[in-house]
N, C-alpha and C. Protein backbone atom coordinates (compact mmCIF):
# COMPACT_ATOMS: atom_id res chain seq x y z
N MET A 1 -9.94 78.51 60.36
CA MET A 1 -8.64 78.27 60.94
C MET A 1 -7.79 77.46 59.98
N GLN A 2 -6.62 77.95 59.68
CA GLN A 2 -5.72 77.24 58.77
C GLN A 2 -5.05 76.07 59.46
N LYS A 3 -4.94 74.98 58.71
CA LYS A 3 -4.28 73.78 59.20
C LYS A 3 -3.24 73.37 58.18
N THR A 4 -2.30 72.55 58.60
CA THR A 4 -1.31 72.01 57.67
C THR A 4 -1.54 70.52 57.53
N GLY A 5 -1.17 69.99 56.39
CA GLY A 5 -1.34 68.57 56.15
C GLY A 5 -0.57 68.12 54.94
N GLN A 6 -0.88 66.90 54.51
CA GLN A 6 -0.19 66.30 53.38
C GLN A 6 -1.22 65.56 52.53
N ILE A 7 -1.10 65.67 51.22
CA ILE A 7 -2.01 64.95 50.32
C ILE A 7 -1.68 63.47 50.39
N THR A 8 -2.67 62.68 50.79
CA THR A 8 -2.46 61.23 50.93
C THR A 8 -3.05 60.45 49.78
N ARG A 9 -4.02 61.03 49.08
CA ARG A 9 -4.60 60.39 47.90
C ARG A 9 -4.92 61.47 46.88
N TRP A 10 -4.63 61.17 45.61
CA TRP A 10 -4.92 62.11 44.52
C TRP A 10 -5.33 61.32 43.29
N ASP A 11 -6.51 61.63 42.74
CA ASP A 11 -7.03 60.99 41.53
C ASP A 11 -7.10 62.06 40.45
N ALA A 12 -6.09 62.11 39.58
CA ALA A 12 -6.00 63.15 38.55
C ALA A 12 -7.14 63.06 37.55
N GLU A 13 -7.58 61.85 37.22
CA GLU A 13 -8.68 61.69 36.26
C GLU A 13 -9.98 62.30 36.78
N ARG A 14 -10.23 62.14 38.06
CA ARG A 14 -11.47 62.64 38.65
C ARG A 14 -11.28 63.98 39.36
N ALA A 15 -10.04 64.46 39.42
CA ALA A 15 -9.69 65.79 39.95
C ALA A 15 -10.06 65.99 41.41
N PHE A 16 -9.84 64.97 42.24
CA PHE A 16 -10.04 65.14 43.67
C PHE A 16 -9.04 64.31 44.46
N GLY A 17 -8.93 64.65 45.74
CA GLY A 17 -8.03 63.91 46.61
C GLY A 17 -8.38 64.12 48.06
N PHE A 18 -7.48 63.67 48.93
CA PHE A 18 -7.70 63.76 50.38
C PHE A 18 -6.42 64.23 51.06
N ILE A 19 -6.62 65.00 52.13
CA ILE A 19 -5.52 65.56 52.91
C ILE A 19 -5.58 64.95 54.31
N ARG A 20 -4.42 64.55 54.82
CA ARG A 20 -4.32 64.07 56.20
C ARG A 20 -3.59 65.12 57.01
N SER A 21 -4.16 65.40 58.19
CA SER A 21 -3.58 66.41 59.07
C SER A 21 -3.67 65.94 60.52
N PRO A 22 -2.66 66.22 61.33
CA PRO A 22 -2.76 65.88 62.75
C PRO A 22 -3.84 66.72 63.45
N ASP A 23 -4.29 67.81 62.80
CA ASP A 23 -5.31 68.69 63.38
C ASP A 23 -6.74 68.26 63.05
N SER A 24 -6.91 67.19 62.26
CA SER A 24 -8.24 66.73 61.85
C SER A 24 -8.42 65.27 62.26
N VAL A 25 -9.64 64.92 62.61
CA VAL A 25 -9.94 63.56 63.02
C VAL A 25 -9.87 62.60 61.83
N ALA A 26 -10.38 63.03 60.68
CA ALA A 26 -10.41 62.19 59.48
C ALA A 26 -9.74 62.92 58.32
N ASP A 27 -9.42 62.16 57.27
CA ASP A 27 -8.89 62.79 56.06
C ASP A 27 -9.93 63.75 55.51
N VAL A 28 -9.46 64.84 54.91
CA VAL A 28 -10.35 65.89 54.40
C VAL A 28 -10.32 65.86 52.87
N PHE A 29 -11.51 65.82 52.25
CA PHE A 29 -11.68 65.82 50.81
C PHE A 29 -11.34 67.19 50.23
N PHE A 30 -10.74 67.22 49.03
CA PHE A 30 -10.59 68.48 48.30
C PHE A 30 -10.74 68.21 46.81
N HIS A 31 -11.19 69.22 46.09
CA HIS A 31 -11.37 69.13 44.64
C HIS A 31 -10.36 70.08 44.00
N LEU A 32 -9.96 69.77 42.79
CA LEU A 32 -8.98 70.59 42.08
C LEU A 32 -9.39 72.06 42.04
N ARG A 33 -10.68 72.36 41.90
CA ARG A 33 -11.12 73.76 41.83
C ARG A 33 -10.89 74.50 43.15
N ASP A 34 -10.66 73.77 44.25
CA ASP A 34 -10.39 74.38 45.55
C ASP A 34 -8.90 74.41 45.88
N PHE A 35 -8.06 74.07 44.89
CA PHE A 35 -6.61 74.02 45.10
C PHE A 35 -5.95 75.20 44.41
N GLN A 36 -4.99 75.83 45.11
CA GLN A 36 -4.22 76.93 44.53
C GLN A 36 -2.75 76.58 44.61
N GLY A 37 -2.06 76.74 43.52
CA GLY A 37 -0.63 76.48 43.54
C GLY A 37 -0.05 76.47 42.15
N PRO A 38 1.25 76.67 42.05
CA PRO A 38 1.89 76.68 40.74
C PRO A 38 1.99 75.28 40.13
N ALA A 39 2.00 74.26 40.96
CA ALA A 39 2.10 72.87 40.48
C ALA A 39 0.77 72.16 40.70
N ALA A 40 0.57 71.08 39.98
CA ALA A 40 -0.63 70.26 40.17
C ALA A 40 -0.51 69.51 41.50
N PRO A 41 -1.64 69.21 42.15
CA PRO A 41 -1.58 68.42 43.38
C PRO A 41 -0.93 67.07 43.12
N SER A 42 -0.24 66.54 44.11
CA SER A 42 0.39 65.22 43.99
C SER A 42 0.49 64.58 45.36
N MET A 43 0.60 63.26 45.35
CA MET A 43 0.73 62.50 46.59
C MET A 43 1.95 62.99 47.36
N GLY A 44 1.78 63.19 48.67
CA GLY A 44 2.89 63.60 49.52
C GLY A 44 3.12 65.09 49.59
N MET A 45 2.43 65.88 48.74
CA MET A 45 2.62 67.33 48.74
C MET A 45 2.14 67.93 50.07
N ALA A 46 2.95 68.80 50.66
CA ALA A 46 2.57 69.51 51.88
C ALA A 46 1.64 70.66 51.49
N VAL A 47 0.55 70.83 52.24
CA VAL A 47 -0.43 71.88 51.94
C VAL A 47 -0.86 72.60 53.21
N VAL A 48 -1.38 73.78 53.02
CA VAL A 48 -2.06 74.56 54.04
C VAL A 48 -3.51 74.61 53.60
N PHE A 49 -4.46 74.38 54.52
CA PHE A 49 -5.86 74.33 54.11
C PHE A 49 -6.81 74.83 55.19
N GLU A 50 -8.01 75.14 54.74
CA GLU A 50 -9.12 75.47 55.64
C GLU A 50 -10.27 74.58 55.25
N GLU A 51 -10.99 74.06 56.24
CA GLU A 51 -12.17 73.25 55.95
C GLU A 51 -13.32 74.19 55.60
N ILE A 52 -14.02 73.87 54.51
CA ILE A 52 -15.16 74.67 54.06
C ILE A 52 -16.37 73.75 53.91
N HIS A 53 -17.55 74.33 53.90
CA HIS A 53 -18.78 73.58 53.70
C HIS A 53 -19.52 74.22 52.54
N VAL A 54 -19.92 73.41 51.57
CA VAL A 54 -20.57 73.91 50.37
C VAL A 54 -21.93 73.24 50.23
N GLY A 55 -22.99 74.03 50.28
CA GLY A 55 -24.34 73.51 50.04
C GLY A 55 -24.77 72.42 51.00
N GLY A 56 -24.34 72.46 52.25
CA GLY A 56 -24.76 71.49 53.23
C GLY A 56 -24.16 70.11 53.04
N LYS A 57 -23.24 69.97 52.09
CA LYS A 57 -22.60 68.68 51.85
C LYS A 57 -21.49 68.44 52.85
N ILE A 58 -20.90 67.27 52.76
CA ILE A 58 -19.77 66.91 53.61
C ILE A 58 -18.68 67.98 53.48
N GLY A 59 -17.96 68.22 54.55
CA GLY A 59 -16.91 69.24 54.52
C GLY A 59 -15.83 68.91 53.52
N ARG A 60 -15.18 69.94 53.06
CA ARG A 60 -14.04 69.75 52.15
C ARG A 60 -13.05 70.86 52.42
N ALA A 61 -11.90 70.79 51.76
CA ALA A 61 -10.82 71.73 52.03
C ALA A 61 -10.61 72.68 50.86
N SER A 62 -10.29 73.90 51.21
CA SER A 62 -9.75 74.88 50.26
C SER A 62 -8.28 74.94 50.62
N CYS A 63 -7.40 74.59 49.66
CA CYS A 63 -6.00 74.43 50.03
C CYS A 63 -5.03 75.05 49.02
N ARG A 64 -3.80 75.16 49.47
CA ARG A 64 -2.73 75.65 48.63
C ARG A 64 -1.45 74.94 49.03
N GLU A 65 -0.52 74.90 48.10
CA GLU A 65 0.77 74.27 48.35
C GLU A 65 1.48 75.03 49.46
N ARG A 66 2.12 74.30 50.34
CA ARG A 66 2.83 74.94 51.46
C ARG A 66 4.25 75.23 51.07
C-alpha cells in the first residue's frame, strides 16, 4: 500500500534517512538504493513510499519523489 510522507532526516555520507508519515506509527528507514527520483533525497522532500522487508530485518521504505 502506497503512503505519502516527508523526509525528516537524511545522512548523505551514509546514504540513508527516515520518512515521517501520518499513515505510520514510527518514522520509516530508507536507503539511497531504495530511492527513485531525478534529484537526490533531501530534508523536507515530499515522497510516496511503500514499506518493504528485506531478509527479515527491520522494515524500510522503497520511495520516490512525490
